[in-house]
Amino acid sequence: MPHSEIPGTEGAPATRLRWWTELPLILLVYACYSAGRLLVRGDVADAVDHGLAILRIEQALHLNAEQPLNRLFTREPWLGIPADFWYASLHYLVTPALLVWLFRSRAAHFRAARTWLMTSTFIGLIGFTLLPTCPPRLLEASHGFVDTMAQYSSYGWWAGEASAPRGLGGLTNQYAAMPSLHVGWALWCGVVLWRHGGTRWARTAGVVYPLVTLVVVMGTANHYFLDAVAGAAVMGAGLLLTPVVLRNADRAKAGVLPGPAPQFARRSAPVEAASSVPGSPIVSAGCQTSAGERFPRQRQLESRPASGTEPGVSPPARGEDDRTAAAPAR
C-alpha cells in the first residue's frame, strides 16, 4: 500500500479540528447511511434476480469461493461462531475507534481520511439504491447456502435477520448487499493502519483485518465475492473524489465565513504644515535638511573636477562666512 498522502490534499489549509463539530458531522453521515439503507428497499423479486445473476457470473468465472467457505463455517462451529461475532460487531467498533485515534494522535491526516470514508459511504448508498441485491443466505436452500447467523443465533445478540439485534430485524435492509461496505470500511481501516500505524504490528493488522473480513462476509453467506470487489471499487472512487470534496468544502467555508481582511497599510504620520526650524526647507513629509547639508549624489557631483580645470587642483575652500552661516541651521 502506498505511503503517500491522498492526491490533491497535500496543500490543503491546516484547520484546527474540534470534536464538537466533527462528531455531529460523522453521526449525520451515518444516520443518512442507515436511513438510506432502511428506506430504499427495492423490489424483492428484483433483488433475488440480481443475486442470482451475480452468482451465475461468479460460477462462470470460477470465483464462487463463498460456497465452500459457507459449508466450512456451517460444519465447524469453532469457525462459524467467531465469524458471526466478527461480522456483527467489528464493523461498528474498529472503524469509529480508528477515527477517534486519528483525531487524537494523527490530526494532520484526520480530515482527509474522514472525508474519504464519508464520500465512499455515500457512493455505496447509491449502489444500494440502484442495485438491491439478495445476499446468498436469503436465496432458496437449493442454491446450497446456510445462514450461519441464524444457525448460531443462540450464541450472540443477533437473530436470523442480518446482524441486527433480536426484535430489530425490521429496521435493517437485508437486500443492501451490493457493494459490501463491510469490506469497504475494513479496507479503509487497513489503509489507515498501514499508513499511520507506525509499527510492524499496526501494519500487520492493516493487512489481516480486511482479508479476514473478506473471508467472513463470504463464509457467513452475507455477501458474494463480487460484492466485496464492488466495495473495494467504491473505496477507490471515494479516494479519487476526496481532493475534490475537500477543495469544494474549503471554498464553501471561505465564502460563508470570510476571515478579517489583513491590515497591511499603516497610518502615515501627519505632514507638518511648516518646519519647526525657521528657514529650513521641507524635503518630504516630516524629513528636513539644513541649508548646508548635501545628499550623497550631490557630493559625488561636486567631487568631480569641473570641465576645463586640471586634475589635481582642488576646488576653492569655503569661506569663514559660509561656515558661520550654516552653523545655526544644524
Foldseek 3Di string as FASTA:
>chain_A
DDQDAQPQCPPFDDDDDDCVVVVVVVVVLVVVLLVLQQPQQDDPVQQAVLQVVVVVVCVVVVNFPLQVLQVVLVVDVVNVVVLLVCQLPCLPPLLVVLLVCCVVPVVVRNVLLVQLVSQLSVVLSVVCNVRQHAFQCPDDCVVRGHQSCQVPVVVDQPHSQGSDGPPCSSSGRLRSPAAPLLLLSLQSCLVCQCNPVPDPVSNVSSVPRSVSSLSSCSNSRSYGNVSNVRSNVSSVVSSNCSSVVSVVVVVVCCVVDPDDDDDPDDDDDDADPDDPDPPWDDPDRPDTDFPPDDDPVVVVVQVDDDPPDDPPDDDDDDDPVVVVVRVVRD
